[in-house]
Protein backbone atom coordinates (compact mmCIF):
# COMPACT_ATOMS: atom_id res chain seq x y z
CA UNK A 1 17.38 -21.38 -2.01
CA UNK A 2 14.44 -22.99 -3.85
CA UNK A 3 13.14 -26.32 -2.62
CA UNK A 4 15.09 -28.89 -4.67
CA UNK A 5 12.91 -31.96 -4.51
CA UNK A 6 9.75 -30.65 -6.13
CA UNK A 7 8.56 -34.22 -6.64
CA UNK A 8 7.51 -34.27 -3.02
CA UNK A 9 4.87 -31.62 -3.64
CA UNK A 10 1.50 -33.31 -3.73
CA UNK A 11 -1.45 -31.85 -5.62
CA UNK A 12 -4.62 -32.11 -3.55
CA UNK A 13 -7.72 -30.07 -2.75
CA UNK A 14 -8.76 -27.94 0.19
CA UNK A 15 -11.54 -30.41 0.95
CA UNK A 16 -9.08 -33.31 1.30
CA UNK A 17 -6.89 -31.55 3.86
CA UNK A 18 -9.35 -29.21 5.60
CA UNK A 19 -12.87 -29.09 6.98
CA UNK A 20 -14.99 -26.36 5.38
CA UNK A 21 -17.98 -25.05 7.35
CA UNK A 22 -20.55 -22.94 5.51
CA UNK A 23 -22.04 -20.20 7.67
CA UNK A 24 -25.69 -19.99 8.63
CA UNK A 25 -27.27 -17.01 10.34
CA UNK A 26 -29.37 -17.50 13.48
CA UNK A 27 -32.81 -15.90 13.62
CA UNK A 28 -32.61 -12.24 14.60
CA UNK A 29 -34.56 -12.90 17.80
CA UNK A 30 -31.37 -14.45 19.22
CA UNK A 31 -29.22 -11.37 18.47
CA UNK A 32 -28.02 -8.96 21.15
CA UNK A 33 -25.42 -6.26 21.66
CA UNK A 34 -24.85 -7.02 25.36
CA UNK A 35 -22.23 -9.74 24.80
CA UNK A 36 -24.58 -12.53 25.82
CA UNK A 37 -23.78 -15.85 24.15
CA UNK A 38 -20.94 -15.90 21.61
CA UNK A 39 -19.74 -13.39 18.98
CA UNK A 40 -21.63 -13.50 15.69
CA UNK A 41 -19.81 -12.53 12.49
CA UNK A 42 -21.72 -11.88 9.28
CA UNK A 43 -19.17 -11.00 6.61
CA UNK A 44 -16.26 -9.01 5.22
CA UNK A 45 -17.28 -5.75 6.90
CA UNK A 46 -15.96 -7.10 10.22
CA UNK A 47 -12.53 -8.06 8.84
CA UNK A 48 -9.34 -6.24 9.82
CA UNK A 49 -5.90 -6.61 8.22
CA UNK A 50 -5.36 -10.25 9.29
CA UNK A 51 -7.42 -11.06 12.37
CA UNK A 52 -11.14 -10.54 12.58
CA UNK A 53 -12.19 -7.52 14.64
CA UNK A 54 -14.83 -7.13 17.31
CA UNK A 55 -18.40 -8.02 16.29
CA UNK A 56 -21.40 -5.74 16.54
CA UNK A 57 -23.70 -8.62 17.47
CA UNK A 58 -23.67 -11.60 19.80
CA UNK A 59 -26.05 -14.54 19.62
CA UNK A 60 -27.45 -16.89 22.23
CA UNK A 61 -28.06 -19.55 19.60
CA UNK A 62 -25.26 -21.14 17.59
CA UNK A 63 -26.01 -22.24 14.06
CA UNK A 64 -22.57 -22.75 12.47
CA UNK A 65 -19.46 -22.49 14.63
CA UNK A 66 -15.89 -21.41 13.94
CA UNK A 67 -13.02 -21.94 16.36
CA UNK A 68 -10.02 -19.79 17.20
CA UNK A 69 -7.41 -20.34 14.47
CA UNK A 70 -9.92 -21.17 11.73
CA UNK A 71 -9.57 -19.15 8.55
CA UNK A 72 -12.74 -17.21 7.76
CA UNK A 73 -13.47 -16.55 4.09
CA UNK A 74 -15.96 -14.03 2.73
CA UNK A 75 -18.23 -16.07 0.43
CA UNK A 76 -20.55 -13.31 -0.78
CA UNK A 77 -19.55 -10.12 -2.57
CA UNK A 78 -16.77 -9.55 -2.07
CA UNK A 79 -15.75 -13.17 -2.56
CA UNK A 80 -12.34 -14.32 -1.35
CA UNK A 81 -11.06 -12.00 1.43
CA UNK A 82 -9.79 -13.98 4.42
CA UNK A 83 -9.19 -13.42 8.14
CA UNK A 84 -8.22 -15.53 11.12
CA UNK A 85 -10.83 -16.18 13.80
CA UNK A 86 -9.41 -15.18 17.18
CA UNK A 87 -12.08 -16.88 19.28
CA UNK A 88 -14.96 -19.33 19.13
CA UNK A 89 -17.76 -17.65 17.24
CA UNK A 90 -20.93 -18.13 15.21
CA UNK A 91 -20.68 -17.37 11.48
CA UNK A 92 -23.44 -16.17 9.17
CA UNK A 93 -24.16 -16.85 5.51
CA UNK A 94 -21.58 -14.36 4.33
CA UNK A 95 -18.72 -16.47 5.71
CA UNK A 96 -17.20 -19.93 5.61
CA UNK A 97 -14.71 -21.33 8.12
CA UNK A 98 -11.76 -23.39 6.87
CA UNK A 99 -10.27 -25.64 9.57
CA UNK A 100 -6.90 -27.23 8.87
CA UNK A 101 -5.75 -30.76 9.64
CA UNK A 102 -2.30 -31.92 10.78
CA UNK A 103 -0.91 -32.19 7.23
CA UNK A 104 -0.90 -28.42 6.60
CA UNK A 105 0.52 -25.45 8.45
CA UNK A 106 -2.27 -22.93 9.09
CA UNK A 107 -0.12 -19.98 7.97
CA UNK A 108 0.86 -21.82 4.78
CA UNK A 109 -2.86 -22.33 4.12
CA UNK A 110 -3.57 -18.65 4.84
CA UNK A 111 -0.88 -17.47 2.42
CA UNK A 112 -2.10 -19.89 -0.24
CA UNK A 113 -5.69 -18.64 -0.01
CA UNK A 114 -4.31 -15.10 -0.16
CA UNK A 115 -2.43 -15.98 -3.36
CA UNK A 116 -5.59 -17.18 -5.15
CA UNK A 117 -7.92 -14.50 -3.82
CA UNK A 118 -8.03 -12.58 -7.11
CA UNK A 119 -8.80 -15.79 -8.99
CA UNK A 120 -11.82 -16.72 -6.91
CA UNK A 121 -13.04 -13.12 -6.68
CA UNK A 122 -13.32 -12.95 -10.47
CA UNK A 123 -10.30 -10.80 -11.32
CA UNK A 124 -8.60 -13.67 -13.08
CA UNK A 125 -11.34 -16.10 -13.95
CA UNK A 126 -15.07 -16.69 -13.71
CA UNK A 127 -16.91 -14.02 -11.74
CA UNK A 128 -18.52 -15.33 -8.56
CA UNK A 129 -21.30 -13.45 -6.81
CA UNK A 130 -20.82 -16.09 -4.17
CA UNK A 131 -18.80 -19.23 -3.61
CA UNK A 132 -20.22 -22.42 -2.08
CA UNK A 133 -18.69 -24.84 0.40
CA UNK A 134 -18.25 -27.39 -2.39
CA UNK A 135 -16.44 -24.87 -4.58
CA UNK A 136 -14.08 -24.04 -1.71
CA UNK A 137 -13.48 -27.74 -1.07
CA UNK A 138 -12.62 -28.24 -4.75
CA UNK A 139 -9.95 -25.53 -4.79
CA UNK A 140 -6.66 -27.17 -5.75
CA UNK A 141 -3.46 -26.76 -3.77
CA UNK A 142 0.08 -28.11 -4.17
CA UNK A 143 1.29 -29.28 -0.79
CA UNK A 144 4.95 -29.79 0.10
CA UNK A 145 6.06 -31.65 3.26
CA UNK A 146 5.30 -29.88 6.54
CA UNK A 147 8.92 -28.74 7.23
CA UNK A 148 9.01 -27.14 3.77
CA UNK A 149 5.67 -25.42 4.41
CA UNK A 150 7.08 -23.96 7.61
CA UNK A 151 10.26 -22.80 5.86
CA UNK A 152 8.18 -21.03 3.19
CA UNK A 153 5.98 -19.43 5.86
CA UNK A 154 9.08 -18.10 7.64
CA UNK A 155 10.30 -16.47 4.40
CA UNK A 156 6.88 -15.02 3.62
CA UNK A 157 6.43 -13.68 7.17
CA UNK A 158 9.71 -11.81 6.94
CA UNK A 159 9.08 -10.50 3.40
CA UNK A 160 5.53 -9.36 4.20
CA UNK A 161 6.64 -7.66 7.42
CA UNK A 162 9.20 -5.64 5.44
CA UNK A 163 6.63 -4.76 2.76
CA UNK A 164 4.05 -3.73 5.36
CA UNK A 165 6.66 -1.53 7.05
CA UNK A 166 7.44 0.12 3.72
CA UNK A 167 3.70 0.73 3.10
CA UNK A 168 3.39 2.18 6.59
CA UNK A 169 6.22 4.63 5.89
CA UNK A 170 4.69 5.64 2.55
CA UNK A 171 1.31 6.28 4.19
CA UNK A 172 2.96 8.24 7.00
CA UNK A 173 4.80 10.46 4.53
CA UNK A 174 1.58 11.17 2.63
CA UNK A 175 -0.31 11.98 5.83
CA UNK A 176 2.47 14.32 6.90
CA UNK A 177 2.20 16.20 3.59
CA UNK A 178 -1.59 16.49 3.96
CA UNK A 179 -1.24 17.64 7.57
CA UNK A 180 1.21 20.35 6.51
CA UNK A 181 -1.33 21.64 3.98
CA UNK A 182 -4.17 21.57 6.53
CA UNK A 183 -2.08 23.41 9.13
CA UNK A 184 -1.09 26.08 6.63
CA UNK A 185 -4.70 26.44 5.53
CA UNK A 186 -5.91 26.92 9.10
CA UNK A 187 -3.14 29.37 9.95
CA UNK A 188 -3.54 31.40 6.77
CA UNK A 189 -7.34 31.63 6.62
CA UNK A 190 -9.35 30.80 9.72
CA UNK A 191 -7.05 32.68 12.15
CA UNK A 192 -7.07 36.03 10.39
CA UNK A 193 -8.58 38.69 12.67
CA UNK A 194 -7.54 41.76 10.67
CA UNK A 195 -9.62 40.98 7.57
CA UNK A 196 -13.22 42.05 7.10
CA UNK A 197 -15.77 39.46 8.28
CA UNK A 198 -18.72 38.74 6.01
CA UNK A 199 -21.46 36.13 5.65
CA UNK A 200 -21.35 34.03 2.50
CA UNK A 201 -24.73 35.32 1.33
CA UNK A 202 -23.37 38.88 1.61
CA UNK A 203 -20.63 38.21 -0.93
CA UNK A 204 -22.58 35.82 -3.19
CA UNK A 205 -24.69 36.60 -6.24
CA UNK A 206 -26.78 33.48 -5.60
CA UNK A 207 -26.67 31.47 -2.38
CA UNK A 208 -29.23 28.78 -1.56
CA UNK A 209 -30.13 25.12 -1.38
CA UNK A 210 -30.40 22.87 -4.37
CA UNK A 211 -33.81 21.83 -5.61
CA UNK A 212 -35.50 18.45 -5.99
CA UNK A 213 -39.26 18.95 -5.76
CA UNK A 214 -40.45 15.60 -7.10
CA UNK A 215 -41.42 12.78 -4.75
CA UNK A 216 -40.29 10.10 -4.58
CA UNK A 217 -36.80 11.44 -5.25
CA UNK A 218 -35.61 8.14 -6.69
CA UNK A 219 -38.33 8.05 -9.36
CA UNK A 220 -36.58 6.50 -12.37
CA UNK A 221 -38.52 8.82 -14.70
CA UNK A 222 -36.28 11.70 -13.57
CA UNK A 223 -32.99 10.15 -14.58
CA UNK A 224 -30.91 9.13 -17.57
CA UNK A 225 -30.60 12.41 -19.46
CA UNK A 226 -27.80 14.84 -20.29
CA UNK A 227 -27.85 17.03 -17.16
CA UNK A 228 -25.31 16.08 -14.45
CA UNK A 229 -26.93 15.49 -11.06
CA UNK A 230 -24.45 15.99 -8.19
CA UNK A 231 -24.96 14.27 -4.85
CA UNK A 232 -23.21 14.59 -1.48
CA UNK A 233 -20.90 11.65 -2.19
CA UNK A 234 -19.65 13.30 -5.39
CA UNK A 235 -18.71 16.39 -3.39
CA UNK A 236 -17.05 14.39 -0.62
CA UNK A 237 -14.88 12.62 -3.20
CA UNK A 238 -13.86 15.86 -4.92
CA UNK A 239 -10.40 17.35 -4.58
CA UNK A 240 -11.21 21.09 -4.59
CA UNK A 241 -12.93 20.66 -7.97
CA UNK A 242 -15.92 18.43 -8.75
CA UNK A 243 -14.95 16.61 -11.95
CA UNK A 244 -17.14 13.50 -11.80
CA UNK A 245 -20.79 12.62 -11.32
CA UNK A 246 -22.61 9.32 -10.91
CA UNK A 247 -26.13 10.29 -12.02
CA UNK A 248 -27.90 12.49 -14.57
CA UNK A 249 -31.30 14.14 -14.90
CA UNK A 250 -33.40 14.13 -18.06
CA UNK A 251 -35.74 16.96 -19.09
CA UNK A 252 -38.33 15.88 -16.50
CA UNK A 253 -35.69 15.84 -13.80
CA UNK A 254 -34.40 19.26 -14.83
CA UNK A 255 -37.91 20.76 -14.78
CA UNK A 256 -38.34 20.00 -11.07
CA UNK A 257 -34.77 21.04 -10.17
CA UNK A 258 -32.36 23.90 -10.89
CA UNK A 259 -29.31 23.94 -13.16
CA UNK A 260 -26.40 25.64 -11.39
CA UNK A 261 -23.59 27.09 -13.55
CA UNK A 262 -20.02 25.91 -13.87
CA UNK A 263 -17.97 27.55 -11.10
CA UNK A 264 -20.67 27.13 -8.43
CA UNK A 265 -19.35 26.32 -4.97
CA UNK A 266 -21.17 23.27 -3.54
CA UNK A 267 -21.46 22.70 0.23
CA UNK A 268 -23.01 19.53 1.69
CA UNK A 269 -25.40 20.10 4.60
CA UNK A 270 -26.66 16.55 5.22
CA UNK A 271 -25.09 13.07 5.32
CA UNK A 272 -21.48 14.16 4.62
CA UNK A 273 -21.67 17.64 6.08
CA UNK A 274 -19.39 20.62 5.35
CA UNK A 275 -17.74 18.96 2.35
CA UNK A 276 -17.03 21.41 -0.46
CA UNK A 277 -16.14 21.45 -4.13
CA UNK A 278 -16.33 23.70 -7.19
CA UNK A 279 -18.38 22.58 -10.19
CA UNK A 280 -16.41 22.18 -13.41
CA UNK A 281 -19.65 21.83 -15.42
CA UNK A 282 -23.28 22.95 -15.16
CA UNK A 283 -25.19 20.63 -12.81
CA UNK A 284 -28.27 20.07 -10.66
CA UNK A 285 -28.14 18.98 -7.03
CA UNK A 286 -30.68 18.24 -4.26
CA UNK A 287 -31.56 20.34 -1.22
CA UNK A 288 -28.94 18.47 0.84
CA UNK A 289 -26.43 20.73 -0.94
CA UNK A 290 -26.04 24.52 -0.81
CA UNK A 291 -24.83 26.30 -3.91
CA UNK A 292 -22.96 29.59 -4.04
CA UNK A 293 -22.28 31.73 -7.12
CA UNK A 294 -19.85 34.63 -6.68
CA UNK A 295 -18.83 37.72 -8.66
CA UNK A 296 -15.45 36.85 -10.21
CA UNK A 297 -14.42 40.51 -10.14
CA UNK A 298 -14.76 40.68 -6.36
CA UNK A 299 -14.40 37.13 -5.06
CA UNK A 300 -11.96 34.36 -5.96
CA UNK A 301 -14.05 31.15 -5.86
CA UNK A 302 -10.94 29.08 -5.07
CA UNK A 303 -10.38 31.25 -2.01
CA UNK A 304 -13.92 30.58 -0.78
CA UNK A 305 -13.52 26.79 -1.17
CA UNK A 306 -10.22 26.85 0.71
CA UNK A 307 -11.77 29.11 3.33
CA UNK A 308 -14.65 26.72 4.02
CA UNK A 309 -12.23 23.79 4.05
CA UNK A 310 -10.32 25.52 6.85
CA UNK A 311 -13.60 25.93 8.79
CA UNK A 312 -14.76 22.35 8.14
CA UNK A 313 -14.20 21.08 11.70
CA UNK A 314 -16.13 24.04 13.15
CA UNK A 315 -19.05 23.55 10.76
CA UNK A 316 -19.14 19.79 11.38
CA UNK A 317 -19.23 20.38 15.13
CA UNK A 318 -22.18 22.72 14.57
CA UNK A 319 -24.08 19.87 12.91
CA UNK A 320 -23.66 17.37 15.73
CA UNK A 321 -26.39 16.40 18.14
CA UNK A 322 -29.36 15.47 15.94
CA UNK A 323 -30.34 11.99 14.82
CA UNK A 324 -28.49 12.66 11.58
CA UNK A 325 -25.68 15.18 11.43
CA UNK A 326 -26.73 18.24 9.43
CA UNK A 327 -26.35 21.96 9.02
CA UNK A 328 -28.57 24.39 7.11
CA UNK A 329 -28.78 27.86 5.59
CA UNK A 330 -29.29 29.23 9.09
CA UNK A 331 -25.85 27.94 10.05
CA UNK A 332 -24.28 30.26 7.49
CA UNK A 333 -26.41 33.18 8.62
CA UNK A 334 -24.66 32.96 12.00
CA UNK A 335 -21.08 32.77 10.71
CA UNK A 336 -18.96 35.55 9.30
CA UNK A 337 -15.82 34.53 7.45
CA UNK A 338 -12.61 36.51 6.85
CA UNK A 339 -12.46 38.12 3.40
CA UNK A 340 -9.41 40.17 2.43
CA UNK A 341 -9.34 42.28 -0.74
CA UNK A 342 -9.39 40.47 -4.10
CA UNK A 343 -5.65 40.96 -4.73
CA UNK A 344 -4.82 39.27 -1.41
CA UNK A 345 -7.27 36.45 -2.16
CA UNK A 346 -5.54 35.86 -5.51
CA UNK A 347 -2.09 35.74 -3.89
CA UNK A 348 -3.24 33.25 -1.26
CA UNK A 349 -4.87 31.06 -3.90
CA UNK A 350 -1.66 30.94 -5.95
CA UNK A 351 0.24 29.57 -2.95
CA UNK A 352 -2.50 27.11 -1.94
CA UNK A 353 -2.99 25.87 -5.50
CA UNK A 354 0.71 25.11 -5.80
CA UNK A 355 0.70 23.27 -2.46
CA UNK A 356 -2.42 21.29 -3.42
CA UNK A 357 -0.97 20.35 -6.81
CA UNK A 358 2.27 19.19 -5.19
CA UNK A 359 0.35 17.08 -2.68
CA UNK A 360 -1.77 15.61 -5.48
CA UNK A 361 1.42 14.60 -7.29
CA UNK A 362 2.75 13.07 -4.06
CA UNK A 363 -0.52 11.15 -3.63
CA UNK A 364 -0.15 9.70 -7.12
CA UNK A 365 3.47 8.73 -6.44
CA UNK A 366 2.65 7.18 -3.07
CA UNK A 367 -0.42 5.38 -4.41
CA UNK A 368 1.75 3.87 -7.14
CA UNK A 369 4.33 2.82 -4.55
CA UNK A 370 1.63 1.09 -2.50
CA UNK A 371 0.31 -0.59 -5.65
CA UNK A 372 3.84 -1.75 -6.50
CA UNK A 373 4.31 -3.13 -2.99
CA UNK A 374 1.01 -5.02 -3.20
CA UNK A 375 2.07 -6.46 -6.57
CA UNK A 376 5.38 -7.46 -5.01
CA UNK A 377 3.44 -9.42 -2.39
CA UNK A 378 1.56 -11.26 -5.12
CA UNK A 379 4.78 -11.97 -7.00
CA UNK A 380 6.38 -13.44 -3.88
CA UNK A 381 3.27 -15.55 -3.20
CA UNK A 382 3.31 -16.92 -6.74
CA UNK A 383 6.98 -17.91 -6.37
CA UNK A 384 6.25 -19.51 -3.02
CA UNK A 385 3.53 -21.79 -4.36
CA UNK A 386 5.48 -22.60 -7.51
CA UNK A 387 8.28 -23.97 -5.31
CA UNK A 388 10.64 -21.15 -6.28
CA UNK A 389 11.56 -19.81 -2.83
């Protein structure tokens, strides 16, 4: 039942009911990874779902201090995410600590800051690259009496627990579907002993590394033209097919590279190793990517991509042990992969394509469900701080 006496809600500011501490980083000479001193937190990257995780760095000199129970806010891009501090710690310039007083329940404050996170991060107002201590102190809040705060927190705790459980189930269902596909892929392709074994270069028309001769590679004179330039991240983010790119070459860039045709299989060999995808357009790529072009009359390119996907764990294990994980052309000279006749390849691809398409549809459904659940959280928060719960 909504709180009846809304007249008792008092409009105030965070600065009037809390102490805000702006972070300040110690000099790096005081840093260590041996847990000497106190934990040092620098920003959002160390946040978990609600409570801040373990730091990578400790410091023997305290600049700005947060205490267990303080709310930590990310004050530099991204602006607004919050976490609870679980212990006394030092905070850097990427964080501010918000310490409550006796007039406000700490969980009520946490939920309120969560409800305005999109506003202060620029989704619903002015865009902040950063937010200052003064700006945090000036954030307005409507404050009901303490018993009412605690009643609202109890409702929100229960509602959020149910929503989080629903999100957990959605994620579990999606992971189960993906696991089923992966298991089928491994069983169907990598475990076949009866099929002929061949190296990729034996069945390819063209098989080799991409080309980027110019140094430095990031020379701006190479970029901004009409030729797609694929990088390892684009391949990692692909779902069987590479449909997007984040950079392009101009004529100068093309001259020092190589334009691979639509239908080329791309394999990453550095950074994100053993990721694969099929080009849906002509494109260039650097020597951290291997390209493979195959005779369509003899080889089904979809089969080859699925095949390498089923061998991904083996190929990634091959690349371990160096300063930076990597594989090379020599890796593929050592491995022979199972290749049935073209008719069998086509039949397998039909089944795998249908499975992949069904899983893609499930992903879209589940992603929408998660989005709806997150929007439900925001709707409940808005009702809570409008006195409607």
